């Protein structure tokens, strides 16, 4: 595999930039899919966003890459302002929108070149 932005080495997290959970950061583990939505049994819960579906989107890891998939949400999932109609590869600093919530996908490289996750880091279930 070639080196570059597609390879994931380091800490991966989802930083909520806008919406009811603004300022929260969720760590993403490669071993299990991350489900985002309003339900209480999801990995990243967005409870106060009425435009976010109960199970809105999924982030999963496959072949050394992270992907974003819409879970047939009512209002759609957007990656860099483009509607996600099939799984799309995520890259560092990608903007994800689900409901009225906007998040940034962050990778803190082992060499420290990317943004450092904030201290209020929440680990998904």
PDB file of N, CA and C in Angstrom:
ATOM      1  N   UNK A   1       0.836  -1.174   0.000  1.00  0.00           N
ATOM      2  CA  UNK A   1       0.000   0.000   0.000  1.00  0.00           C
ATOM      3  C   UNK A   1       0.881   1.237   0.000  1.00  0.00           C
ATOM      4  N   UNK A   2       0.456   2.271  -0.730  1.00  0.00           N
ATOM      5  CA  UNK A   2       1.216   3.505  -0.791  1.00  0.00           C
ATOM      6  C   UNK A   2       0.956   4.345   0.451  1.00  0.00           C
ATOM      7  N   UNK A   3       1.974   5.118   0.837  1.00  0.00           N
ATOM      8  CA  UNK A   3       1.789   6.003   1.964  1.00  0.00           C
ATOM      9  C   UNK A   3       1.018   7.224   1.516  1.00  0.00           C
ATOM     10  N   UNK A   4       0.294   7.852   2.464  1.00  0.00           N
ATOM     11  CA  UNK A   4      -0.427   9.064   2.108  1.00  0.00           C
ATOM     12  C   UNK A   4      -1.600   9.310   3.023  1.00  0.00           C
ATOM     13  N   UNK A   5      -2.476  10.220   2.618  1.00  0.00           N
ATOM     14  CA  UNK A   5      -3.607  10.612   3.435  1.00  0.00           C
ATOM     15  C   UNK A   5      -4.593   9.475   3.670  1.00  0.00           C
ATOM     16  N   UNK A   6      -4.610   8.468   2.810  1.00  0.00           N
ATOM     17  CA  UNK A   6      -5.586   7.396   2.956  1.00  0.00           C
ATOM     18  C   UNK A   6      -5.212   6.408   4.058  1.00  0.00           C
ATOM     19  N   UNK A   7      -3.923   6.292   4.369  1.00  0.00           N
ATOM     20  CA  UNK A   7      -3.500   5.386   5.417  1.00  0.00           C
ATOM     21  C   UNK A   7      -3.869   5.974   6.769  1.00  0.00           C
ATOM     22  N   UNK A   8      -4.380   5.146   7.684  1.00  0.00           N
ATOM     23  CA  UNK A   8      -4.791   5.624   8.988  1.00  0.00           C
ATOM     24  C   UNK A   8      -3.815   5.095  10.026  1.00  0.00           C
ATOM     25  N   UNK A   9      -3.025   5.995  10.570  1.00  0.00           N
ATOM     26  CA  UNK A   9      -2.090   5.662  11.638  1.00  0.00           C
ATOM     27  C   UNK A   9      -2.232   6.720  12.713  1.00  0.00           C
ATOM     28  N   UNK A  10      -2.708   6.347  13.890  1.00  0.00           N
ATOM     29  CA  UNK A  10      -2.837   7.307  14.972  1.00  0.00           C
ATOM     30  C   UNK A  10      -4.222   7.286  15.579  1.00  0.00           C
ATOM     31  N   UNK A  11      -4.551   8.389  16.277  1.00  0.00           N
ATOM     32  CA  UNK A  11      -5.827   8.534  16.962  1.00  0.00           C
ATOM     33  C   UNK A  11      -6.848   9.107  15.989  1.00  0.00           C
ATOM     34  N   UNK A  12      -8.025   8.495  15.937  1.00  0.00           N
ATOM     35  CA  UNK A  12      -9.087   8.933  15.042  1.00  0.00           C
ATOM     36  C   UNK A  12     -10.276   9.359  15.903  1.00  0.00           C
ATOM     37  N   UNK A  13     -10.851  10.532  15.583  1.00  0.00           N
ATOM     38  CA  UNK A  13     -11.994  10.993  16.359  1.00  0.00           C
ATOM     39  C   UNK A  13     -12.948  11.817  15.511  1.00  0.00           C
ATOM     40  N   UNK A  14     -14.117  12.046  16.070  1.00  0.00           N
ATOM     41  CA  UNK A  14     -15.159  12.835  15.449  1.00  0.00           C
ATOM     42  C   UNK A  14     -15.408  14.030  16.367  1.00  0.00           C
ATOM     43  N   UNK A  15     -15.121  15.243  15.882  1.00  0.00           N
ATOM     44  CA  UNK A  15     -15.291  16.474  16.653  1.00  0.00           C
ATOM     45  C   UNK A  15     -16.575  17.150  16.196  1.00  0.00           C
ATOM     46  N   UNK A  16     -17.508  17.359  17.117  1.00  0.00           N
ATOM     47  CA  UNK A  16     -18.775  18.005  16.791  1.00  0.00           C
ATOM     48  C   UNK A  16     -18.550  19.522  16.780  1.00  0.00           C
ATOM     49  N   UNK A  17     -18.716  20.128  15.585  1.00  0.00           N
ATOM     50  CA  UNK A  17     -18.459  21.555  15.399  1.00  0.00           C
ATOM     51  C   UNK A  17     -19.710  22.413  15.529  1.00  0.00           C
ATOM     52  N   UNK A  18     -20.874  21.885  15.117  1.00  0.00           N
ATOM     53  CA  UNK A  18     -22.130  22.628  15.187  1.00  0.00           C
ATOM     54  C   UNK A  18     -23.242  21.682  15.593  1.00  0.00           C
ATOM     55  N   UNK A  19     -24.233  22.222  16.298  1.00  0.00           N
ATOM     56  CA  UNK A  19     -25.373  21.426  16.705  1.00  0.00           C
ATOM     57  C   UNK A  19     -25.417  21.249  18.208  1.00  0.00           C
ATOM     58  N   UNK A  20     -26.374  20.458  18.688  1.00  0.00           N
ATOM     59  CA  UNK A  20     -26.605  20.308  20.125  1.00  0.00           C
ATOM     60  C   UNK A  20     -25.416  19.741  20.906  1.00  0.00           C
ATOM     61  N   UNK A  21     -24.570  18.982  20.275  1.00  0.00           N
ATOM     62  CA  UNK A  21     -23.426  18.359  20.963  1.00  0.00           C
ATOM     63  C   UNK A  21     -22.120  19.097  20.666  1.00  0.00           C
ATOM     64  N   UNK A  22     -22.210  20.345  20.228  1.00  0.00           N
ATOM     65  CA  UNK A  22     -21.031  21.133  19.852  1.00  0.00           C
ATOM     66  C   UNK A  22     -19.970  21.091  20.949  1.00  0.00           C
ATOM     67  N   UNK A  23     -18.729  20.850  20.524  1.00  0.00           N
ATOM     68  CA  UNK A  23     -17.606  20.782  21.449  1.00  0.00           C
ATOM     69  C   UNK A  23     -17.264  19.381  21.920  1.00  0.00           C
ATOM     70  N   UNK A  24     -18.167  18.432  21.745  1.00  0.00           N
ATOM     71  CA  UNK A  24     -17.885  17.053  22.148  1.00  0.00           C
ATOM     72  C   UNK A  24     -17.013  16.376  21.095  1.00  0.00           C
ATOM     73  N   UNK A  25     -16.181  15.477  21.557  1.00  0.00           N
ATOM     74  CA  UNK A  25     -15.326  14.699  20.663  1.00  0.00           C
ATOM     75  C   UNK A  25     -15.480  13.229  21.014  1.00  0.00           C
ATOM     76  N   UNK A  26     -15.618  12.397  19.991  1.00  0.00           N
ATOM     77  CA  UNK A  26     -15.801  10.963  20.183  1.00  0.00           C
ATOM     78  C   UNK A  26     -14.648  10.218  19.523  1.00  0.00           C
ATOM     79  N   UNK A  27     -13.981   9.338  20.267  1.00  0.00           N
ATOM     80  CA  UNK A  27     -12.923   8.505  19.696  1.00  0.00           C
ATOM     81  C   UNK A  27     -13.561   7.436  18.825  1.00  0.00           C
ATOM     82  N   UNK A  28     -12.885   7.102  17.748  1.00  0.00           N
ATOM     83  CA  UNK A  28     -13.372   6.077  16.835  1.00  0.00           C
ATOM     84  C   UNK A  28     -12.392   4.923  16.845  1.00  0.00           C
ATOM     85  N   UNK A  29     -12.906   3.732  17.158  1.00  0.00           N
ATOM     86  CA  UNK A  29     -12.077   2.530  17.176  1.00  0.00           C
ATOM     87  C   UNK A  29     -12.263   1.780  15.870  1.00  0.00           C
ATOM     88  N   UNK A  30     -11.188   1.246  15.339  1.00  0.00           N
ATOM     89  CA  UNK A  30     -11.280   0.550  14.057  1.00  0.00           C
ATOM     90  C   UNK A  30     -11.947  -0.819  14.169  1.00  0.00           C
ATOM     91  N   UNK A  31     -12.020  -1.360  15.362  1.00  0.00           N
ATOM     92  CA  UNK A  31     -12.514  -2.727  15.511  1.00  0.00           C
ATOM     93  C   UNK A  31     -14.025  -2.865  15.330  1.00  0.00           C
ATOM     94  N   UNK A  32     -14.791  -1.813  15.594  1.00  0.00           N
ATOM     95  CA  UNK A  32     -16.238  -1.917  15.506  1.00  0.00           C
ATOM     96  C   UNK A  32     -16.819  -0.721  14.765  1.00  0.00           C
ATOM     97  N   UNK A  33     -17.902  -0.911  14.021  1.00  0.00           N
ATOM     98  CA  UNK A  33     -18.550   0.225  13.360  1.00  0.00           C
ATOM     99  C   UNK A  33     -19.079   1.225  14.384  1.00  0.00           C
ATOM    100  N   UNK A  34     -19.080   2.488  14.027  1.00  0.00           N
ATOM    101  CA  UNK A  34     -19.599   3.556  14.877  1.00  0.00           C
ATOM    102  C   UNK A  34     -20.939   3.984  14.283  1.00  0.00           C
ATOM    103  N   UNK A  35     -22.010   3.826  15.062  1.00  0.00           N
ATOM    104  CA  UNK A  35     -23.343   4.224  14.627  1.00  0.00           C
ATOM    105  C   UNK A  35     -23.655   5.581  15.262  1.00  0.00           C
ATOM    106  N   UNK A  36     -24.136   6.502  14.438  1.00  0.00           N
ATOM    107  CA  UNK A  36     -24.444   7.860  14.874  1.00  0.00           C
ATOM    108  C   UNK A  36     -25.947   8.072  14.762  1.00  0.00           C
ATOM    109  N   UNK A  37     -26.573   8.616  15.821  1.00  0.00           N
ATOM    110  CA  UNK A  37     -28.001   8.884  15.777  1.00  0.00           C
ATOM    111  C   UNK A  37     -28.560   9.322  17.112  1.00  0.00           C
ATOM    112  N   UNK A  38     -29.893   9.379  17.199  1.00  0.00           N
ATOM    113  CA  UNK A  38     -30.574   9.831  18.416  1.00  0.00           C
ATOM    114  C   UNK A  38     -30.847   8.704  19.406  1.00  0.00           C
ATOM    115  N   UNK A  39     -30.870   7.463  18.963  1.00  0.00           N
ATOM    116  CA  UNK A  39     -31.177   6.326  19.843  1.00  0.00           C
ATOM    117  C   UNK A  39     -30.185   6.252  21.003  1.00  0.00           C
ATOM    118  N   UNK A  40     -30.612   5.635  22.085  1.00  0.00           N
ATOM    119  CA  UNK A  40     -29.732   5.504  23.251  1.00  0.00           C
ATOM    120  C   UNK A  40     -28.697   4.400  23.073  1.00  0.00           C
ATOM    121  N   UNK A  41     -28.920   3.487  22.140  1.00  0.00           N
ATOM    122  CA  UNK A  41     -27.997   2.348  21.976  1.00  0.00           C
ATOM    123  C   UNK A  41     -26.975   2.550  20.845  1.00  0.00           C
ATOM    124  N   UNK A  42     -26.797   3.783  20.361  1.00  0.00           N
ATOM    125  CA  UNK A  42     -25.811   4.043  19.311  1.00  0.00           C
ATOM    126  C   UNK A  42     -24.471   4.429  19.937  1.00  0.00           C
ATOM    127  N   UNK A  43     -23.409   4.405  19.150  1.00  0.00           N
ATOM    128  CA  UNK A  43     -22.076   4.731  19.647  1.00  0.00           C
ATOM    129  C   UNK A  43     -21.921   6.224  19.887  1.00  0.00           C
ATOM    130  N   UNK A  44     -22.356   7.032  18.926  1.00  0.00           N
ATOM    131  CA  UNK A  44     -22.303   8.483  19.046  1.00  0.00           C
ATOM    132  C   UNK A  44     -23.748   8.970  19.084  1.00  0.00           C
ATOM    133  N   UNK A  45     -24.198   9.326  20.282  1.00  0.00           N
ATOM    134  CA  UNK A  45     -25.586   9.729  20.457  1.00  0.00           C
ATOM    135  C   UNK A  45     -25.713  11.246  20.304  1.00  0.00           C
ATOM    136  N   UNK A  46     -26.641  11.679  19.447  1.00  0.00           N
ATOM    137  CA  UNK A  46     -26.954  13.085  19.209  1.00  0.00           C
ATOM    138  C   UNK A  46     -28.424  13.257  19.635  1.00  0.00           C
ATOM    139  N   UNK A  47     -28.686  13.325  20.949  1.00  0.00           N
ATOM    140  CA  UNK A  47     -30.063  13.228  21.441  1.00  0.00           C
ATOM    141  C   UNK A  47     -30.950  14.434  21.184  1.00  0.00           C
ATOM    142  N   UNK A  48     -30.402  15.616  20.997  1.00  0.00           N
ATOM    143  CA  UNK A  48     -31.234  16.814  20.921  1.00  0.00           C
ATOM    144  C   UNK A  48     -31.341  17.394  19.522  1.00  0.00           C
ATOM    145  N   UNK A  49     -30.997  16.621  18.504  1.00  0.00           N
ATOM    146  CA  UNK A  49     -31.087  17.080  17.120  1.00  0.00           C
ATOM    147  C   UNK A  49     -32.265  16.366  16.467  1.00  0.00           C
ATOM    148  N   UNK A  50     -33.402  17.056  16.365  1.00  0.00           N
ATOM    149  CA  UNK A  50     -34.612  16.419  15.826  1.00  0.00           C
ATOM    150  C   UNK A  50     -34.505  16.108  14.337  1.00  0.00           C
ATOM    151  N   UNK A  51     -33.496  16.664  13.651  1.00  0.00           N
ATOM    152  CA  UNK A  51     -33.285  16.377  12.232  1.00  0.00           C
ATOM    153  C   UNK A  51     -32.358  15.173  12.018  1.00  0.00           C
ATOM    154  N   UNK A  52     -31.809  14.661  13.097  1.00  0.00           N
ATOM    155  CA  UNK A  52     -30.943  13.482  13.055  1.00  0.00           C
ATOM    156  C   UNK A  52     -31.821  12.247  13.280  1.00  0.00           C
ATOM    157  N   UNK A  53     -31.701  11.244  12.433  1.00  0.00           N
ATOM    158  CA  UNK A  53     -32.508  10.028  12.562  1.00  0.00           C
ATOM    159  C   UNK A  53     -32.057   9.200  13.765  1.00  0.00           C
ATOM    160  N   UNK A  54     -32.890   8.256  14.164  1.00  0.00           N
ATOM    161  CA  UNK A  54     -32.550   7.406  15.308  1.00  0.00           C
ATOM    162  C   UNK A  54     -31.230   6.670  15.073  1.00  0.00           C
ATOM    163  N   UNK A  55     -31.080   6.114  13.889  1.00  0.00           N
ATOM    164  CA  UNK A  55     -29.814   5.517  13.450  1.00  0.00           C
ATOM    165  C   UNK A  55     -29.523   6.153  12.105  1.00  0.00           C
ATOM    166  N   UNK A  56     -28.716   7.192  12.123  1.00  0.00           N
ATOM    167  CA  UNK A  56     -28.553   8.083  10.978  1.00  0.00           C
ATOM    168  C   UNK A  56     -27.438   7.658  10.031  1.00  0.00           C
ATOM    169  N   UNK A  57     -26.254   7.393  10.591  1.00  0.00           N
ATOM    170  CA  UNK A  57     -25.082   7.101   9.754  1.00  0.00           C
ATOM    171  C   UNK A  57     -24.156   6.133  10.471  1.00  0.00           C
ATOM    172  N   UNK A  58     -23.233   5.598   9.694  1.00  0.00           N
ATOM    173  CA  UNK A  58     -22.263   4.642  10.240  1.00  0.00           C
ATOM    174  C   UNK A  58     -20.877   4.996   9.711  1.00  0.00           C
ATOM    175  N   UNK A  59     -19.890   4.915  10.595  1.00  0.00           N
ATOM    176  CA  UNK A  59     -18.482   5.012  10.203  1.00  0.00           C
ATOM    177  C   UNK A  59     -17.875   3.643  10.463  1.00  0.00           C
ATOM    178  N   UNK A  60     -17.218   3.097   9.445  1.00  0.00           N
ATOM    179  CA  UNK A  60     -16.609   1.780   9.622  1.00  0.00           C
ATOM    180  C   UNK A  60     -15.228   1.743   8.991  1.00  0.00           C
ATOM    181  N   UNK A  61     -14.442   0.762   9.406  1.00  0.00           N
ATOM    182  CA  UNK A  61     -13.045   0.610   9.001  1.00  0.00           C
ATOM    183  C   UNK A  61     -12.920  -0.626   8.128  1.00  0.00           C
ATOM    184  N   UNK A  62     -12.290  -0.463   6.956  1.00  0.00           N
ATOM    185  CA  UNK A  62     -12.115  -1.591   6.048  1.00  0.00           C
ATOM    186  C   UNK A  62     -10.862  -1.349   5.212  1.00  0.00           C
ATOM    187  N   UNK A  63     -10.002  -2.319   5.134  1.00  0.00           N
ATOM    188  CA  UNK A  63      -8.791  -2.255   4.309  1.00  0.00           C
ATOM    189  C   UNK A  63      -7.955  -1.005   4.593  1.00  0.00           C
ATOM    190  N   UNK A  64      -7.709  -0.748   5.879  1.00  0.00           N
ATOM    191  CA  UNK A  64      -6.893   0.381   6.340  1.00  0.00           C
ATOM    192  C   UNK A  64      -7.474   1.746   6.030  1.00  0.00           C
ATOM    193  N   UNK A  65      -8.782   1.833   5.843  1.00  0.00           N
ATOM    194  CA  UNK A  65      -9.430   3.100   5.559  1.00  0.00           C
ATOM    195  C   UNK A  65     -10.740   3.179   6.334  1.00  0.00           C
ATOM    196  N   UNK A  66     -11.152   4.406   6.633  1.00  0.00           N
ATOM    197  CA  UNK A  66     -12.451   4.638   7.251  1.00  0.00           C
ATOM    198  C   UNK A  66     -13.442   5.070   6.177  1.00  0.00           C
ATOM    199  N   UNK A  67     -14.704   4.644   6.365  1.00  0.00           N
ATOM    200  CA  UNK A  67     -15.767   4.964   5.420  1.00  0.00           C
ATOM    201  C   UNK A  67     -16.980   5.494   6.168  1.00  0.00           C
ATOM    202  N   UNK A  68     -17.767   6.319   5.479  1.00  0.00           N
ATOM    203  CA  UNK A  68     -19.011   6.863   5.993  1.00  0.00           C
ATOM    204  C   UNK A  68     -20.155   6.312   5.155  1.00  0.00           C
ATOM    205  N   UNK A  69     -21.212   5.867   5.832  1.00  0.00           N
ATOM    206  CA  UNK A  69     -22.380   5.324   5.139  1.00  0.00           C
ATOM    207  C   UNK A  69     -23.650   5.900   5.766  1.00  0.00           C
ATOM    208  N   UNK A  70     -24.577   6.335   4.943  1.00  0.00           N
ATOM    209  CA  UNK A  70     -25.880   6.778   5.421  1.00  0.00           C
ATOM    210  C   UNK A  70     -26.732   5.544   5.701  1.00  0.00           C
ATOM    211  N   UNK A  71     -27.499   5.574   6.778  1.00  0.00           N
ATOM    212  CA  UNK A  71     -28.333   4.423   7.138  1.00  0.00           C
ATOM    213  C   UNK A  71     -29.808   4.696   6.793  1.00  0.00           C
ATOM    214  N   UNK A  72     -30.037   5.162   5.578  1.00  0.00           N
ATOM    215  CA  UNK A  72     -31.386   5.464   5.087  1.00  0.00           C
ATOM    216  C   UNK A  72     -32.074   6.499   5.984  1.00  0.00           C
ATOM    217  N   UNK A  73     -31.308   7.511   6.377  1.00  0.00           N
ATOM    218  CA  UNK A  73     -31.828   8.558   7.243  1.00  0.00           C
ATOM    219  C   UNK A  73     -32.850   9.416   6.500  1.00  0.00           C
ATOM    220  N   UNK A  74     -33.719  10.061   7.244  1.00  0.00           N
ATOM    221  CA  UNK A  74     -34.752  10.909   6.662  1.00  0.00           C
ATOM    222  C   UNK A  74     -34.158  12.112   5.932  1.00  0.00           C
ATOM    223  N   UNK A  75     -33.187  12.773   6.543  1.00  0.00           N
ATOM    224  CA  UNK A  75     -32.643  14.017   5.988  1.00  0.00           C
ATOM    225  C   UNK A  75     -31.297  13.855   5.298  1.00  0.00           C
ATOM    226  N   UNK A  76     -30.797  12.642   5.196  1.00  0.00           N
ATOM    227  CA  UNK A  76     -29.546  12.397   4.491  1.00  0.00           C
ATOM    228  C   UNK A  76     -28.306  12.709   5.313  1.00  0.00           C
ATOM    229  N   UNK A  77     -27.193  12.149   4.877  1.00  0.00           N
ATOM    230  CA  UNK A  77     -25.876  12.389   5.463  1.00  0.00           C
ATOM    231  C   UNK A  77     -25.043  13.053   4.380  1.00  0.00           C
ATOM    232  N   UNK A  78     -24.283  14.065   4.767  1.00  0.00           N
ATOM    233  CA  UNK A  78     -23.482  14.822   3.807  1.00  0.00           C
ATOM    234  C   UNK A  78     -22.006  14.743   4.168  1.00  0.00           C
ATOM    235  N   UNK A  79     -21.198  14.508   3.168  1.00  0.00           N
ATOM    236  CA  UNK A  79     -19.743  14.497   3.321  1.00  0.00           C
ATOM    237  C   UNK A  79     -19.207  15.646   2.478  1.00  0.00           C
ATOM    238  N   UNK A  80     -18.627  16.641   3.141  1.00  0.00           N
ATOM    239  CA  UNK A  80     -18.127  17.841   2.454  1.00  0.00           C
ATOM    240  C   UNK A  80     -19.211  18.443   1.556  1.00  0.00           C
ATOM    241  N   UNK A  81     -20.421  18.535   2.103  1.00  0.00           N
ATOM    242  CA  UNK A  81     -21.595  19.143   1.453  1.00  0.00           C
ATOM    243  C   UNK A  81     -22.158  18.353   0.278  1.00  0.00           C
ATOM    244  N   UNK A  82     -21.749  17.095   0.123  1.00  0.00           N
ATOM    245  CA  UNK A  82     -22.270  16.226  -0.940  1.00  0.00           C
ATOM    246  C   UNK A  82     -23.037  15.073  -0.288  1.00  0.00           C
ATOM    247  N   UNK A  83     -24.266  14.846  -0.769  1.00  0.00           N
ATOM    248  CA  UNK A  83     -25.110  13.787  -0.231  1.00  0.00           C
ATOM    249  C   UNK A  83     -24.421  12.432  -0.383  1.00  0.00           C
ATOM    250  N   UNK A  84     -24.401  11.657   0.701  1.00  0.00           N
ATOM    251  CA  UNK A  84     -23.794  10.321   0.686  1.00  0.00           C
ATOM    252  C   UNK A  84     -24.865   9.324   0.255  1.00  0.00           C
ATOM    253  N   UNK A  85     -24.672   8.733  -0.933  1.00  0.00           N
ATOM    254  CA  UNK A  85     -25.641   7.764  -1.442  1.00  0.00           C
ATOM    255  C   UNK A  85     -25.115   6.337  -1.388  1.00  0.00           C
ATOM    256  N   UNK A  86     -23.815   6.191  -1.193  1.00  0.00           N
ATOM    257  CA  UNK A  86     -23.166   4.895  -1.009  1.00  0.00           C
ATOM    258  C   UNK A  86     -21.960   5.154  -0.106  1.00  0.00           C
ATOM    259  N   UNK A  87     -21.369   4.124   0.489  1.00  0.00           N
ATOM    260  CA  UNK A  87     -20.231   4.356   1.393  1.00  0.00           C
ATOM    261  C   UNK A  87     -19.126   5.168   0.714  1.00  0.00           C
ATOM    262  N   UNK A  88     -18.634   6.181   1.443  1.00  0.00           N
ATOM    263  CA  UNK A  88     -17.583   7.070   0.940  1.00  0.00           C
ATOM    264  C   UNK A  88     -16.393   7.043   1.892  1.00  0.00           C
ATOM    265  N   UNK A  89     -15.204   7.051   1.316  1.00  0.00           N
ATOM    266  CA  UNK A  89     -13.979   7.046   2.117  1.00  0.00           C
ATOM    267  C   UNK A  89     -13.834   8.378   2.847  1.00  0.00           C
ATOM    268  N   UNK A  90     -13.416   8.296   4.112  1.00  0.00           N
ATOM    269  CA  UNK A  90     -13.175   9.487   4.915  1.00  0.00           C
ATOM    270  C   UNK A  90     -11.692   9.824   4.940  1.00  0.00           C
ATOM    271  N   UNK A  91     -11.401  11.118   4.902  1.00  0.00           N
ATOM    272  CA  UNK A  91     -10.032  11.614   4.991  1.00  0.00           C
ATOM    273  C   UNK A  91      -9.961  12.639   6.120  1.00  0.00           C
ATOM    274  N   UNK A  92      -8.764  12.878   6.614  1.00  0.00           N
ATOM    275  CA  UNK A  92      -8.554  13.826   7.689  1.00  0.00           C
ATOM    276  C   UNK A  92      -9.188  15.179   7.345  1.00  0.00           C
ATOM    277  N   UNK A  93      -9.885  15.750   8.322  1.00  0.00           N
ATOM    278  CA  UNK A  93     -10.552  17.054   8.217  1.00  0.00           C
ATOM    279  C   UNK A  93     -11.793  17.066   7.325  1.00  0.00           C
ATOM    280  N   UNK A  94     -12.327  15.899   6.953  1.00  0.00           N
ATOM    281  CA  UNK A  94     -13.579  15.857   6.207  1.00  0.00           C
ATOM    282  C   UNK A  94     -14.712  16.374   7.091  1.00  0.00           C
ATOM    283  N   UNK A  95     -15.644  17.098   6.470  1.00  0.00           N
ATOM    284  CA  UNK A  95     -16.808  17.626   7.167  1.00  0.00           C
ATOM    285  C   UNK A  95     -17.976  16.669   6.941  1.00  0.00           C
ATOM    286  N   UNK A  96     -18.628  16.259   8.025  1.00  0.00           N
ATOM    287  CA  UNK A  96     -19.769  15.351   7.967  1.00  0.00           C
ATOM    288  C   UNK A  96     -20.968  16.071   8.572  1.00  0.00           C
ATOM    289  N   UNK A  97     -22.116  16.010   7.885  1.00  0.00           N
ATOM    290  CA  UNK A  97     -23.325  16.625   8.415  1.00  0.00           C
ATOM    291  C   UNK A  97     -24.429  15.591   8.471  1.00  0.00           C
ATOM    292  N   UNK A  98     -25.059  15.476   9.641  1.00  0.00           N
ATOM    293  CA  UNK A  98     -26.209  14.608   9.834  1.00  0.00           C
ATOM    294  C   UNK A  98     -27.218  15.409  10.648  1.00  0.00           C
ATOM    295  N   UNK A  99     -28.406  15.635  10.090  1.00  0.00           N
ATOM    296  CA  UNK A  99     -29.377  16.519  10.725  1.00  0.00           C
ATOM    297  C   UNK A  99     -28.834  17.936  10.732  1.00  0.00           C
ATOM    298  N   UNK A 100     -28.968  18.618  11.871  1.00  0.00           N
ATOM    299  CA  UNK A 100     -28.402  19.961  11.996  1.00  0.00           C
ATOM    300  C   UNK A 100     -27.040  19.921  12.678  1.00  0.00           C
ATOM    301  N   UNK A 101     -26.495  18.729  12.832  1.00  0.00           N
ATOM    302  CA  UNK A 101     -25.195  18.533  13.475  1.00  0.00           C
ATOM    303  C   UNK A 101     -24.105  18.426  12.418  1.00  0.00           C
ATOM    304  N   UNK A 102     -23.023  19.158  12.640  1.00  0.00           N
ATOM    305  CA  UNK A 102     -21.877  19.095  11.746  1.00  0.00           C
ATOM    306  C   UNK A 102     -20.660  18.648  12.554  1.00  0.00           C
ATOM    307  N   UNK A 103     -19.917  17.713  11.993  1.00  0.00           N
ATOM    308  CA  UNK A 103     -18.737  17.166  12.669  1.00  0.00           C
ATOM    309  C   UNK A 103     -17.550  17.173  11.719  1.00  0.00           C
ATOM    310  N   UNK A 104     -16.375  17.040  12.296  1.00  0.00           N
ATOM    311  CA  UNK A 104     -15.149  16.937  11.511  1.00  0.00           C
ATOM    312  C   UNK A 104     -14.479  15.622  11.869  1.00  0.00           C
ATOM    313  N   UNK A 105     -14.093  14.873  10.856  1.00  0.00           N
ATOM    314  CA  UNK A 105     -13.362  13.613  11.013  1.00  0.00           C
ATOM    315  C   UNK A 105     -11.883  13.974  11.137  1.00  0.00           C
ATOM    316  N   UNK A 106     -11.269  13.626  12.274  1.00  0.00           N
ATOM    317  CA  UNK A 106      -9.880  13.998  12.535  1.00  0.00           C
ATOM    318  C   UNK A 106      -9.001  12.783  12.768  1.00  0.00           C
ATOM    319  N   UNK A 107      -7.812  12.835  12.208  1.00  0.00           N
ATOM    320  CA  UNK A 107      -6.790  11.816  12.454  1.00  0.00           C
ATOM    321  C   UNK A 107      -5.580  12.540  13.020  1.00  0.00           C
ATOM    322  N   UNK A 108      -5.194  12.189  14.243  1.00  0.00           N
ATOM    323  CA  UNK A 108      -3.979  12.748  14.812  1.00  0.00           C
ATOM    324  C   UNK A 108      -2.866  11.776  14.481  1.00  0.00           C
ATOM    325  N   UNK A 109      -2.025  12.152  13.562  1.00  0.00           N
ATOM    326  CA  UNK A 109      -0.929  11.289  13.117  1.00  0.00           C
ATOM    327  C   UNK A 109       0.012  10.988  14.271  1.00  0.00           C
ATOM    328  N   UNK A 110       0.673   9.842  14.204  1.00  0.00           N
ATOM    329  CA  UNK A 110       1.632   9.466  15.231  1.00  0.00           C
ATOM    330  C   UNK A 110       2.761  10.483  15.328  1.00  0.00           C
ATOM    331  N   UNK A 111       3.086  11.165  14.221  1.00  0.00           N
ATOM    332  CA  UNK A 111       4.146  12.166  14.241  1.00  0.00           C
ATOM    333  C   UNK A 111       3.633  13.530  14.684  1.00  0.00           C
ATOM    334  N   UNK A 112       2.329  13.627  15.019  1.00  0.00           N
ATOM    335  CA  UNK A 112       1.767  14.846  15.575  1.00  0.00           C
ATOM    336  C   UNK A 112       1.472  15.945  14.571  1.00  0.00           C
ATOM    337  N   UNK A 113       1.448  15.653  13.273  1.00  0.00           N
ATOM    338  CA  UNK A 113       1.261  16.699  12.275  1.00  0.00           C
ATOM    339  C   UNK A 113      -0.182  17.182  12.152  1.00  0.00           C
ATOM    340  N   UNK A 114      -1.144  16.392  12.542  1.00  0.00           N
ATOM    341  CA  UNK A 114      -2.544  16.801  12.438  1.00  0.00           C
ATOM    342  C   UNK A 114      -3.003  17.380  13.766  1.00  0.00           C
ATOM    343  N   UNK A 115      -4.274  17.839  13.780  1.00  0.00           N
ATOM    344  CA  UNK A 115      -4.830  18.416  14.993  1.00  0.00           C
ATOM    345  C   UNK A 115      -4.832  17.384  16.126  1.00  0.00           C
ATOM    346  N   UNK A 116      -4.567  17.857  17.307  1.00  0.00           N
ATOM    347  CA  UNK A 116      -4.621  17.006  18.487  1.00  0.00           C
ATOM    348  C   UNK A 116      -6.054  16.958  18.986  1.00  0.00           C
ATOM    349  N   UNK A 117      -6.587  15.776  19.286  1.00  0.00           N
ATOM    350  CA  UNK A 117      -7.939  15.703  19.822  1.00  0.00           C
ATOM    351  C   UNK A 117      -8.031  16.478  21.136  1.00  0.00           C
ATOM    352  N   UNK A 118      -9.130  17.182  21.362  1.00  0.00           N
ATOM    353  CA  UNK A 118      -9.294  17.950  22.589  1.00  0.00           C
ATOM    354  C   UNK A 118      -9.304  17.062  23.822  1.00  0.00           C
ATOM    355  N   UNK A 119      -9.161  17.694  24.983  1.00  0.00           N
ATOM    356  CA  UNK A 119      -9.085  16.940  26.237  1.00  0.00           C
ATOM    357  C   UNK A 119     -10.436  16.364  26.641  1.00  0.00           C
ATOM    358  N   UNK A 120     -11.554  16.887  26.097  1.00  0.00           N
ATOM    359  CA  UNK A 120     -12.879  16.360  26.456  1.00  0.00           C
ATOM    360  C   UNK A 120     -13.260  15.205  25.542  1.00  0.00           C
ATOM    361  N   UNK A 121     -12.362  14.258  25.363  1.00  0.00           N
ATOM    362  CA  UNK A 121     -12.538  13.123  24.464  1.00  0.00           C
ATOM    363  C   UNK A 121     -13.458  12.087  25.096  1.00  0.00           C
ATOM    364  N   UNK A 122     -14.507  11.715  24.367  1.00  0.00           N
ATOM    365  CA  UNK A 122     -15.426  10.683  24.827  1.00  0.00           C
ATOM    366  C   UNK A 122     -15.132   9.409  24.048  1.00  0.00           C
ATOM    367  N   UNK A 123     -14.988   8.306  24.747  1.00  0.00           N
ATOM    368  CA  UNK A 123     -14.769   7.035  24.075  1.00  0.00           C
ATOM    369  C   UNK A 123     -16.116   6.409  23.803  1.00  0.00           C
ATOM    370  N   UNK A 124     -16.338   6.018  22.565  1.00  0.00           N
ATOM    371  CA  UNK A 124     -17.571   5.319  22.218  1.00  0.00           C
ATOM    372  C   UNK A 124     -17.669   4.018  22.981  1.00  0.00           C
ATOM    373  N   UNK A 125     -18.853   3.511  23.091  1.00  0.00           N
ATOM    374  CA  UNK A 125     -19.121   2.299  23.857  1.00  0.00           C
ATOM    375  C   UNK A 125     -18.160   1.183  23.577  1.00  0.00           C
TER     376      UNK A 125
END
